Amino acid sequence: MHALTSALAASTSKPAATSAQIGGVVDVFLQFGVLGALVLVGLFFFNRVWKEQQARAERAETALAELNRDLRDKVVPVLATVAAVLKDAERAIVERRDRG
């Protein structure tokens, strides 16, 4: 930051800049360029990971909806039948006990 401040102060106070001053400013911008490039790479990576997580979440939601549909279509009718059979069995046991 000191190099940028001194380079900017030198360039505004003198009409012509020396090669050392220009080199200092270029070095500062190159440093920011590297940081900027790292930020862009980080943002690209974050965006890619975010999209992958979103796609993964959508696949999980789809799988969950399919499991719920299978449960509703296959298991619930069977459980209803089992409940009816158990009621019939209980009724038969009570009738047999009452007769005997």
PDB file of N, CA and C in Angstrom:
ATOM      1  N   MET A   1       0.831  -1.172   0.000  1.00  0.00           N
ATOM      2  CA  MET A   1       0.000   0.000   0.000  1.00  0.00           C
ATOM      3  C   MET A   1       0.877   1.238   0.000  1.00  0.00           C
ATOM      4  N   HIS A   2       2.004   1.177   0.717  1.00  0.00           N
ATOM      5  CA  HIS A   2       2.931   2.316   0.770  1.00  0.00           C
ATOM      6  C   HIS A   2       3.505   2.598  -0.610  1.00  0.00           C
ATOM      7  N   ALA A   3       3.771   1.525  -1.361  1.00  0.00           N
ATOM      8  CA  ALA A   3       4.326   1.713  -2.707  1.00  0.00           C
ATOM      9  C   ALA A   3       3.312   2.402  -3.612  1.00  0.00           C
ATOM     10  N   LEU A   4       2.046   2.047  -3.489  1.00  0.00           N
ATOM     11  CA  LEU A   4       1.009   2.675  -4.301  1.00  0.00           C
ATOM     12  C   LEU A   4       0.834   4.138  -3.924  1.00  0.00           C
ATOM     13  N   THR A   5       0.828   4.432  -2.638  1.00  0.00           N
ATOM     14  CA  THR A   5       0.672   5.808  -2.186  1.00  0.00           C
ATOM     15  C   THR A   5       1.832   6.666  -2.652  1.00  0.00           C
ATOM     16  N   SER A   6       3.051   6.154  -2.490  1.00  0.00           N
ATOM     17  CA  SER A   6       4.212   6.934  -2.904  1.00  0.00           C
ATOM     18  C   SER A   6       4.261   7.072  -4.422  1.00  0.00           C
ATOM     19  N   ALA A   7       3.852   6.037  -5.145  1.00  0.00           N
ATOM     20  CA  ALA A   7       3.869   6.118  -6.606  1.00  0.00           C
ATOM     21  C   ALA A   7       2.824   7.104  -7.099  1.00  0.00           C
ATOM     22  N   LEU A   8       1.649   7.092  -6.479  1.00  0.00           N
ATOM     23  CA  LEU A   8       0.608   8.036  -6.880  1.00  0.00           C
ATOM     24  C   LEU A   8       0.996   9.467  -6.515  1.00  0.00           C
ATOM     25  N   ALA A   9       1.586   9.649  -5.349  1.00  0.00           N
ATOM     26  CA  ALA A   9       2.025  10.987  -4.945  1.00  0.00           C
ATOM     27  C   ALA A   9       3.109  11.485  -5.873  1.00  0.00           C
ATOM     28  N   ALA A  10       4.024  10.624  -6.241  1.00  0.00           N
ATOM     29  CA  ALA A  10       5.113  11.029  -7.135  1.00  0.00           C
ATOM     30  C   ALA A  10       4.579  11.343  -8.526  1.00  0.00           C
ATOM     31  N   SER A  11       3.590  10.578  -8.985  1.00  0.00           N
ATOM     32  CA  SER A  11       3.088  10.810 -10.339  1.00  0.00           C
ATOM     33  C   SER A  11       2.230  12.069 -10.409  1.00  0.00           C
ATOM     34  N   THR A  12       1.587  12.463  -9.321  1.00  0.00           N
ATOM     35  CA  THR A  12       0.781  13.683  -9.362  1.00  0.00           C
ATOM     36  C   THR A  12       1.611  14.931  -9.131  1.00  0.00           C
ATOM     37  N   SER A  13       2.736  14.811  -8.429  1.00  0.00           N
ATOM     38  CA  SER A  13       3.540  16.004  -8.170  1.00  0.00           C
ATOM     39  C   SER A  13       4.490  16.316  -9.312  1.00  0.00           C
ATOM     40  N   LYS A  14       4.929  15.342 -10.058  1.00  0.00           N
ATOM     41  CA  LYS A  14       5.861  15.548 -11.167  1.00  0.00           C
ATOM     42  C   LYS A  14       5.169  15.219 -12.480  1.00  0.00           C
ATOM     43  N   PRO A  15       5.402  15.959 -13.515  1.00  0.00           N
ATOM     44  CA  PRO A  15       4.765  15.665 -14.783  1.00  0.00           C
ATOM     45  C   PRO A  15       5.279  14.390 -15.438  1.00  0.00           C
ATOM     46  N   ALA A  16       6.535  14.067 -15.311  1.00  0.00           N
ATOM     47  CA  ALA A  16       7.104  12.878 -15.945  1.00  0.00           C
ATOM     48  C   ALA A  16       7.497  11.893 -14.866  1.00  0.00           C
ATOM     49  N   ALA A  17       7.150  10.607 -15.061  1.00  0.00           N
ATOM     50  CA  ALA A  17       7.474   9.580 -14.085  1.00  0.00           C
ATOM     51  C   ALA A  17       8.726   8.851 -14.527  1.00  0.00           C
ATOM     52  N   THR A  18       9.517   8.445 -13.556  1.00  0.00           N
ATOM     53  CA  THR A  18      10.708   7.681 -13.872  1.00  0.00           C
ATOM     54  C   THR A  18      10.326   6.220 -14.026  1.00  0.00           C
ATOM     55  N   SER A  19      11.220   5.423 -14.576  1.00  0.00           N
ATOM     56  CA  SER A  19      10.932   4.003 -14.781  1.00  0.00           C
ATOM     57  C   SER A  19      10.799   3.267 -13.455  1.00  0.00           C
ATOM     58  N   ALA A  20      11.467   3.706 -12.405  1.00  0.00           N
ATOM     59  CA  ALA A  20      11.347   3.068 -11.097  1.00  0.00           C
ATOM     60  C   ALA A  20       9.943   3.281 -10.533  1.00  0.00           C
ATOM     61  N   GLN A  21       9.411   4.493 -10.740  1.00  0.00           N
ATOM     62  CA  GLN A  21       8.068   4.775 -10.236  1.00  0.00           C
ATOM     63  C   GLN A  21       7.024   3.959 -11.000  1.00  0.00           C
ATOM     64  N   ILE A  22       7.175   3.883 -12.310  1.00  0.00           N
ATOM     65  CA  ILE A  22       6.242   3.093 -13.118  1.00  0.00           C
ATOM     66  C   ILE A  22       6.324   1.622 -12.730  1.00  0.00           C
ATOM     67  N   GLY A  23       7.539   1.132 -12.506  1.00  0.00           N
ATOM     68  CA  GLY A  23       7.715  -0.253 -12.086  1.00  0.00           C
ATOM     69  C   GLY A  23       7.034  -0.532 -10.755  1.00  0.00           C
ATOM     70  N   GLY A  24       7.089   0.423  -9.820  1.00  0.00           N
ATOM     71  CA  GLY A  24       6.435   0.256  -8.527  1.00  0.00           C
ATOM     72  C   GLY A  24       4.931   0.161  -8.670  1.00  0.00           C
ATOM     73  N   VAL A  25       4.357   1.023  -9.532  1.00  0.00           N
ATOM     74  CA  VAL A  25       2.914   0.993  -9.749  1.00  0.00           C
ATOM     75  C   VAL A  25       2.504  -0.311 -10.419  1.00  0.00           C
ATOM     76  N   VAL A  26       3.268  -0.758 -11.386  1.00  0.00           N
ATOM     77  CA  VAL A  26       2.961  -2.014 -12.082  1.00  0.00           C
ATOM     78  C   VAL A  26       3.030  -3.181 -11.105  1.00  0.00           C
ATOM     79  N   ASP A  27       4.031  -3.153 -10.217  1.00  0.00           N
ATOM     80  CA  ASP A  27       4.141  -4.227  -9.224  1.00  0.00           C
ATOM     81  C   ASP A  27       2.903  -4.266  -8.323  1.00  0.00           C
ATOM     82  N   VAL A  28       2.435  -3.080  -7.918  1.00  0.00           N
ATOM     83  CA  VAL A  28       1.248  -3.026  -7.065  1.00  0.00           C
ATOM     84  C   VAL A  28       0.040  -3.573  -7.808  1.00  0.00           C
ATOM     85  N   PHE A  29      -0.143  -3.170  -9.058  1.00  0.00           N
ATOM     86  CA  PHE A  29      -1.279  -3.678  -9.816  1.00  0.00           C
ATOM     87  C   PHE A  29      -1.143  -5.169 -10.111  1.00  0.00           C
ATOM     88  N   LEU A  30       0.080  -5.633 -10.304  1.00  0.00           N
ATOM     89  CA  LEU A  30       0.271  -7.073 -10.489  1.00  0.00           C
ATOM     90  C   LEU A  30      -0.113  -7.834  -9.227  1.00  0.00           C
ATOM     91  N   GLN A  31       0.200  -7.262  -8.068  1.00  0.00           N
ATOM     92  CA  GLN A  31      -0.191  -7.910  -6.820  1.00  0.00           C
ATOM     93  C   GLN A  31      -1.715  -7.970  -6.712  1.00  0.00           C
ATOM     94  N   PHE A  32      -2.375  -6.872  -7.029  1.00  0.00           N
ATOM     95  CA  PHE A  32      -3.834  -6.889  -7.007  1.00  0.00           C
ATOM     96  C   PHE A  32      -4.375  -7.815  -8.082  1.00  0.00           C
ATOM     97  N   GLY A  33      -3.680  -7.898  -9.201  1.00  0.00           N
ATOM     98  CA  GLY A  33      -4.122  -8.798 -10.263  1.00  0.00           C
ATOM     99  C   GLY A  33      -4.082 -10.244  -9.823  1.00  0.00           C
ATOM    100  N   VAL A  34      -3.043 -10.616  -9.106  1.00  0.00           N
ATOM    101  CA  VAL A  34      -2.935 -11.985  -8.595  1.00  0.00           C
ATOM    102  C   VAL A  34      -4.041 -12.231  -7.576  1.00  0.00           C
ATOM    103  N   LEU A  35      -4.269 -11.273  -6.691  1.00  0.00           N
ATOM    104  CA  LEU A  35      -5.353 -11.429  -5.721  1.00  0.00           C
ATOM    105  C   LEU A  35      -6.702 -11.491  -6.431  1.00  0.00           C
ATOM    106  N   GLY A  36      -6.858 -10.635  -7.439  1.00  0.00           N
ATOM    107  CA  GLY A  36      -8.099 -10.665  -8.206  1.00  0.00           C
ATOM    108  C   GLY A  36      -8.292 -11.997  -8.902  1.00  0.00           C
ATOM    109  N   ALA A  37      -7.196 -12.530  -9.452  1.00  0.00           N
ATOM    110  CA  ALA A  37      -7.281 -13.838 -10.109  1.00  0.00           C
ATOM    111  C   ALA A  37      -7.635 -14.923  -9.098  1.00  0.00           C
ATOM    112  N   LEU A  38      -7.047 -14.843  -7.910  1.00  0.00           N
ATOM    113  CA  LEU A  38      -7.383 -15.824  -6.872  1.00  0.00           C
ATOM    114  C   LEU A  38      -8.841 -15.706  -6.454  1.00  0.00           C
ATOM    115  N   VAL A  39      -9.320 -14.477  -6.353  1.00  0.00           N
ATOM    116  CA  VAL A  39     -10.738 -14.287  -6.007  1.00  0.00           C
ATOM    117  C   VAL A  39     -11.622 -14.856  -7.095  1.00  0.00           C
ATOM    118  N   LEU A  40     -11.283 -14.624  -8.360  1.00  0.00           N
ATOM    119  CA  LEU A  40     -12.089 -15.166  -9.460  1.00  0.00           C
ATOM    120  C   LEU A  40     -12.077 -16.686  -9.457  1.00  0.00           C
ATOM    121  N   VAL A  41     -10.905 -17.268  -9.217  1.00  0.00           N
ATOM    122  CA  VAL A  41     -10.819 -18.729  -9.155  1.00  0.00           C
ATOM    123  C   VAL A  41     -11.657 -19.240  -7.983  1.00  0.00           C
ATOM    124  N   GLY A  42     -11.569 -18.535  -6.840  1.00  0.00           N
ATOM    125  CA  GLY A  42     -12.374 -18.920  -5.685  1.00  0.00           C
ATOM    126  C   GLY A  42     -13.860 -18.819  -5.968  1.00  0.00           C
ATOM    127  N   LEU A  43     -14.271 -17.737  -6.617  1.00  0.00           N
ATOM    128  CA  LEU A  43     -15.684 -17.574  -6.964  1.00  0.00           C
ATOM    129  C   LEU A  43     -16.142 -18.630  -7.952  1.00  0.00           C
ATOM    130  N   PHE A  44     -15.285 -18.951  -8.927  1.00  0.00           N
ATOM    131  CA  PHE A  44     -15.623 -19.993  -9.891  1.00  0.00           C
ATOM    132  C   PHE A  44     -15.803 -21.334  -9.178  1.00  0.00           C
ATOM    133  N   PHE A  45     -14.864 -21.648  -8.274  1.00  0.00           N
ATOM    134  CA  PHE A  45     -14.943 -22.901  -7.531  1.00  0.00           C
ATOM    135  C   PHE A  45     -16.192 -22.928  -6.663  1.00  0.00           C
ATOM    136  N   PHE A  46     -16.460 -21.824  -5.960  1.00  0.00           N
ATOM    137  CA  PHE A  46     -17.642 -21.745  -5.108  1.00  0.00           C
ATOM    138  C   PHE A  46     -18.905 -21.914  -5.935  1.00  0.00           C
ATOM    139  N   ASN A  47     -18.961 -21.283  -7.105  1.00  0.00           N
ATOM    140  CA  ASN A  47     -20.139 -21.386  -7.969  1.00  0.00           C
ATOM    141  C   ASN A  47     -20.340 -22.830  -8.431  1.00  0.00           C
ATOM    142  N   ARG A  48     -19.253 -23.475  -8.801  1.00  0.00           N
ATOM    143  CA  ARG A  48     -19.348 -24.865  -9.253  1.00  0.00           C
ATOM    144  C   ARG A  48     -19.825 -25.773  -8.122  1.00  0.00           C
ATOM    145  N   VAL A  49     -19.258 -25.587  -6.942  1.00  0.00           N
ATOM    146  CA  VAL A  49     -19.653 -26.398  -5.786  1.00  0.00           C
ATOM    147  C   VAL A  49     -21.106 -26.122  -5.441  1.00  0.00           C
ATOM    148  N   TRP A  50     -21.525 -24.860  -5.512  1.00  0.00           N
ATOM    149  CA  TRP A  50     -22.909 -24.495  -5.209  1.00  0.00           C
ATOM    150  C   TRP A  50     -23.868 -25.179  -6.174  1.00  0.00           C
ATOM    151  N   LYS A  51     -23.536 -25.146  -7.469  1.00  0.00           N
ATOM    152  CA  LYS A  51     -24.392 -25.797  -8.461  1.00  0.00           C
ATOM    153  C   LYS A  51     -24.452 -27.304  -8.239  1.00  0.00           C
ATOM    154  N   GLU A  52     -23.313 -27.918  -7.896  1.00  0.00           N
ATOM    155  CA  GLU A  52     -23.301 -29.353  -7.627  1.00  0.00           C
ATOM    156  C   GLU A  52     -24.179 -29.691  -6.425  1.00  0.00           C
ATOM    157  N   GLN A  53     -24.098 -28.873  -5.380  1.00  0.00           N
ATOM    158  CA  GLN A  53     -24.923 -29.102  -4.195  1.00  0.00           C
ATOM    159  C   GLN A  53     -26.404 -28.919  -4.507  1.00  0.00           C
ATOM    160  N   GLN A  54     -26.717 -27.923  -5.327  1.00  0.00           N
ATOM    161  CA  GLN A  54     -28.115 -27.713  -5.716  1.00  0.00           C
ATOM    162  C   GLN A  54     -28.631 -28.912  -6.502  1.00  0.00           C
ATOM    163  N   ALA A  55     -27.821 -29.403  -7.449  1.00  0.00           N
ATOM    164  CA  ALA A  55     -28.223 -30.573  -8.239  1.00  0.00           C
ATOM    165  C   ALA A  55     -28.367 -31.793  -7.343  1.00  0.00           C
ATOM    166  N   ARG A  56     -27.459 -31.942  -6.389  1.00  0.00           N
ATOM    167  CA  ARG A  56     -27.525 -33.068  -5.460  1.00  0.00           C
ATOM    168  C   ARG A  56     -28.789 -32.985  -4.598  1.00  0.00           C
ATOM    169  N   ALA A  57     -29.107 -31.788  -4.138  1.00  0.00           N
ATOM    170  CA  ALA A  57     -30.319 -31.604  -3.325  1.00  0.00           C
ATOM    171  C   ALA A  57     -31.567 -31.906  -4.142  1.00  0.00           C
ATOM    172  N   GLU A  58     -31.577 -31.498  -5.397  1.00  0.00           N
ATOM    173  CA  GLU A  58     -32.731 -31.787  -6.257  1.00  0.00           C
ATOM    174  C   GLU A  58     -32.876 -33.285  -6.495  1.00  0.00           C
ATOM    175  N   ARG A  59     -31.735 -33.967  -6.697  1.00  0.00           N
ATOM    176  CA  ARG A  59     -31.799 -35.429  -6.866  1.00  0.00           C
ATOM    177  C   ARG A  59     -32.319 -36.094  -5.598  1.00  0.00           C
ATOM    178  N   ALA A  60     -31.884 -35.612  -4.442  1.00  0.00           N
ATOM    179  CA  ALA A  60     -32.354 -36.179  -3.176  1.00  0.00           C
ATOM    180  C   ALA A  60     -33.843 -35.926  -2.989  1.00  0.00           C
ATOM    181  N   GLU A  61     -34.307 -34.741  -3.342  1.00  0.00           N
ATOM    182  CA  GLU A  61     -35.737 -34.447  -3.236  1.00  0.00           C
ATOM    183  C   GLU A  61     -36.554 -35.325  -4.179  1.00  0.00           C
ATOM    184  N   THR A  62     -36.036 -35.549  -5.372  1.00  0.00           N
ATOM    185  CA  THR A  62     -36.722 -36.422  -6.325  1.00  0.00           C
ATOM    186  C   THR A  62     -36.788 -37.854  -5.801  1.00  0.00           C
ATOM    187  N   ALA A  63     -35.675 -38.324  -5.240  1.00  0.00           N
ATOM    188  CA  ALA A  63     -35.654 -39.679  -4.679  1.00  0.00           C
ATOM    189  C   ALA A  63     -36.607 -39.788  -3.494  1.00  0.00           C
ATOM    190  N   LEU A  64     -36.652 -38.752  -2.664  1.00  0.00           N
ATOM    191  CA  LEU A  64     -37.572 -38.759  -1.527  1.00  0.00           C
ATOM    192  C   LEU A  64     -39.024 -38.771  -1.991  1.00  0.00           C
ATOM    193  N   ALA A  65     -39.338 -37.991  -3.009  1.00  0.00           N
ATOM    194  CA  ALA A  65     -40.705 -37.976  -3.542  1.00  0.00           C
ATOM    195  C   ALA A  65     -41.071 -39.351  -4.106  1.00  0.00           C
ATOM    196  N   GLU A  66     -40.116 -40.002  -4.761  1.00  0.00           N
ATOM    197  CA  GLU A  66     -40.370 -41.340  -5.309  1.00  0.00           C
ATOM    198  C   GLU A  66     -40.599 -42.357  -4.194  1.00  0.00           C
ATOM    199  N   LEU A  67     -39.800 -42.266  -3.135  1.00  0.00           N
ATOM    200  CA  LEU A  67     -39.993 -43.174  -2.003  1.00  0.00           C
ATOM    201  C   LEU A  67     -41.340 -42.935  -1.331  1.00  0.00           C
ATOM    202  N   ASN A  68     -41.713 -41.686  -1.173  1.00  0.00           N
ATOM    203  CA  ASN A  68     -43.018 -41.382  -0.584  1.00  0.00           C
ATOM    204  C   ASN A  68     -44.154 -41.911  -1.447  1.00  0.00           C
ATOM    205  N   ARG A  69     -44.019 -41.781  -2.757  1.00  0.00           N
ATOM    206  CA  ARG A  69     -45.042 -42.287  -3.675  1.00  0.00           C
ATOM    207  C   ARG A  69     -45.129 -43.815  -3.580  1.00  0.00           C
ATOM    208  N   ASP A  70     -43.964 -44.483  -3.534  1.00  0.00           N
ATOM    209  CA  ASP A  70     -43.967 -45.942  -3.394  1.00  0.00           C
ATOM    210  C   ASP A  70     -44.588 -46.360  -2.068  1.00  0.00           C
ATOM    211  N   LEU A  71     -44.257 -45.636  -1.012  1.00  0.00           N
ATOM    212  CA  LEU A  71     -44.819 -45.944   0.299  1.00  0.00           C
ATOM    213  C   LEU A  71     -46.333 -45.797   0.279  1.00  0.00           C
ATOM    214  N   ARG A  72     -46.788 -44.714  -0.305  1.00  0.00           N
ATOM    215  CA  ARG A  72     -48.231 -44.461  -0.377  1.00  0.00           C
ATOM    216  C   ARG A  72     -48.930 -45.493  -1.260  1.00  0.00           C
ATOM    217  N   ASP A  73     -48.315 -45.860  -2.359  1.00  0.00           N
ATOM    218  CA  ASP A  73     -48.957 -46.765  -3.312  1.00  0.00           C
ATOM    219  C   ASP A  73     -48.877 -48.234  -2.905  1.00  0.00           C
ATOM    220  N   LYS A  74     -47.805 -48.633  -2.224  1.00  0.00           N
ATOM    221  CA  LYS A  74     -47.599 -50.061  -1.946  1.00  0.00           C
ATOM    222  C   LYS A  74     -47.799 -50.434  -0.489  1.00  0.00           C
ATOM    223  N   VAL A  75     -47.252 -49.667   0.415  1.00  0.00           N
ATOM    224  CA  VAL A  75     -47.241 -50.076   1.818  1.00  0.00           C
ATOM    225  C   VAL A  75     -48.558 -49.742   2.515  1.00  0.00           C
ATOM    226  N   VAL A  76     -49.097 -48.579   2.264  1.00  0.00           N
ATOM    227  CA  VAL A  76     -50.319 -48.167   2.957  1.00  0.00           C
ATOM    228  C   VAL A  76     -51.488 -49.116   2.677  1.00  0.00           C
ATOM    229  N   PRO A  77     -51.724 -49.528   1.430  1.00  0.00           N
ATOM    230  CA  PRO A  77     -52.815 -50.503   1.220  1.00  0.00           C
ATOM    231  C   PRO A  77     -52.571 -51.828   1.941  1.00  0.00           C
ATOM    232  N   VAL A  78     -51.331 -52.257   1.999  1.00  0.00           N
ATOM    233  CA  VAL A  78     -51.021 -53.503   2.702  1.00  0.00           C
ATOM    234  C   VAL A  78     -51.294 -53.343   4.193  1.00  0.00           C
ATOM    235  N   LEU A  79     -50.914 -52.193   4.747  1.00  0.00           N
ATOM    236  CA  LEU A  79     -51.172 -51.954   6.173  1.00  0.00           C
ATOM    237  C   LEU A  79     -52.665 -51.889   6.461  1.00  0.00           C
ATOM    238  N   ALA A  80     -53.421 -51.331   5.556  1.00  0.00           N
ATOM    239  CA  ALA A  80     -54.877 -51.301   5.738  1.00  0.00           C
ATOM    240  C   ALA A  80     -55.443 -52.717   5.735  1.00  0.00           C
ATOM    241  N   THR A  81     -54.942 -53.554   4.839  1.00  0.00           N
ATOM    242  CA  THR A  81     -55.383 -54.944   4.787  1.00  0.00           C
ATOM    243  C   THR A  81     -54.988 -55.678   6.067  1.00  0.00           C
ATOM    244  N   VAL A  82     -53.779 -55.445   6.535  1.00  0.00           N
ATOM    245  CA  VAL A  82     -53.311 -56.087   7.770  1.00  0.00           C
ATOM    246  C   VAL A  82     -54.186 -55.662   8.948  1.00  0.00           C
ATOM    247  N   ALA A  83     -54.533 -54.380   9.012  1.00  0.00           N
ATOM    248  CA  ALA A  83     -55.399 -53.904  10.105  1.00  0.00           C
ATOM    249  C   ALA A  83     -56.762 -54.595  10.057  1.00  0.00           C
ATOM    250  N   ALA A  84     -57.315 -54.750   8.860  1.00  0.00           N
ATOM    251  CA  ALA A  84     -58.616 -55.425   8.729  1.00  0.00           C
ATOM    252  C   ALA A  84     -58.502 -56.889   9.139  1.00  0.00           C
ATOM    253  N   VAL A  85     -57.440 -57.557   8.743  1.00  0.00           N
ATOM    254  CA  VAL A  85     -57.250 -58.971   9.099  1.00  0.00           C
ATOM    255  C   VAL A  85     -57.077 -59.113  10.607  1.00  0.00           C
ATOM    256  N   LEU A  86     -56.347 -58.196  11.230  1.00  0.00           N
ATOM    257  CA  LEU A  86     -56.170 -58.265  12.682  1.00  0.00           C
ATOM    258  C   LEU A  86     -57.485 -58.052  13.414  1.00  0.00           C
ATOM    259  N   LYS A  87     -58.322 -57.160  12.912  1.00  0.00           N
ATOM    260  CA  LYS A  87     -59.642 -56.961  13.528  1.00  0.00           C
ATOM    261  C   LYS A  87     -60.479 -58.229  13.418  1.00  0.00           C
ATOM    262  N   ASP A  88     -60.429 -58.862  12.234  1.00  0.00           N
ATOM    263  CA  ASP A  88     -61.166 -60.118  12.048  1.00  0.00           C
ATOM    264  C   ASP A  88     -60.641 -61.199  12.994  1.00  0.00           C
ATOM    265  N   ALA A  89     -59.322 -61.271  13.144  1.00  0.00           N
ATOM    266  CA  ALA A  89     -58.726 -62.271  14.033  1.00  0.00           C
ATOM    267  C   ALA A  89     -59.117 -62.003  15.477  1.00  0.00           C
ATOM    268  N   GLU A  90     -59.115 -60.744  15.871  1.00  0.00           N
ATOM    269  CA  GLU A  90     -59.514 -60.392  17.238  1.00  0.00           C
ATOM    270  C   GLU A  90     -60.979 -60.753  17.484  1.00  0.00           C
ATOM    271  N   ARG A  91     -61.822 -60.457  16.491  1.00  0.00           N
ATOM    272  CA  ARG A  91     -63.244 -60.788  16.603  1.00  0.00           C
ATOM    273  C   ARG A  91     -63.428 -62.299  16.721  1.00  0.00           C
ATOM    274  N   ALA A  92     -62.675 -63.072  15.935  1.00  0.00           N
ATOM    275  CA  ALA A  92     -62.785 -64.539  15.985  1.00  0.00           C
ATOM    276  C   ALA A  92     -62.320 -65.068  17.336  1.00  0.00           C
ATOM    277  N   ILE A  93     -61.277 -64.494  17.889  1.00  0.00           N
ATOM    278  CA  ILE A  93     -60.780 -64.932  19.198  1.00  0.00           C
ATOM    279  C   ILE A  93     -61.813 -64.643  20.277  1.00  0.00           C
ATOM    280  N   VAL A  94     -62.422 -63.455  20.218  1.00  0.00           N
ATOM    281  CA  VAL A  94     -63.430 -63.081  21.218  1.00  0.00           C
ATOM    282  C   VAL A  94     -64.638 -63.996  21.097  1.00  0.00           C
ATOM    283  N   GLU A  95     -65.104 -64.309  19.877  1.00  0.00           N
ATOM    284  CA  GLU A  95     -66.255 -65.208  19.686  1.00  0.00           C
ATOM    285  C   GLU A  95     -65.941 -66.593  20.213  1.00  0.00           C
ATOM    286  N   ARG A  96     -64.762 -67.086  19.959  1.00  0.00           N
ATOM    287  CA  ARG A  96     -64.373 -68.432  20.401  1.00  0.00           C
ATOM    288  C   ARG A  96     -64.308 -68.492  21.924  1.00  0.00           C
ATOM    289  N   ARG A  97     -63.771 -67.409  22.518  1.00  0.00           N
ATOM    290  CA  ARG A  97     -63.684 -67.369  23.985  1.00  0.00           C
ATOM    291  C   ARG A  97     -65.075 -67.312  24.608  1.00  0.00           C
ATOM    292  N   ASP A  98     -65.964 -66.543  23.984  1.00  0.00           N
ATOM    293  CA  ASP A  98     -67.339 -66.419  24.511  1.00  0.00           C
ATOM    294  C   ASP A  98     -68.094 -67.742  24.395  1.00  0.00           C
ATOM    295  N   ARG A  99     -67.858 -68.507  23.332  1.00  0.00           N
ATOM    296  CA  ARG A  99     -68.539 -69.798  23.160  1.00  0.00           C
ATOM    297  C   ARG A  99     -68.006 -70.855  24.097  1.00  0.00           C
ATOM    298  N   GLY A 100     -66.756 -70.763  24.393  1.00  0.00           N
ATOM    299  CA  GLY A 100     -66.117 -71.851  25.086  1.00  0.00           C
ATOM    300  C   GLY A 100     -66.114 -71.816  26.529  1.00  0.00           C
TER     301      GLY A 100
END
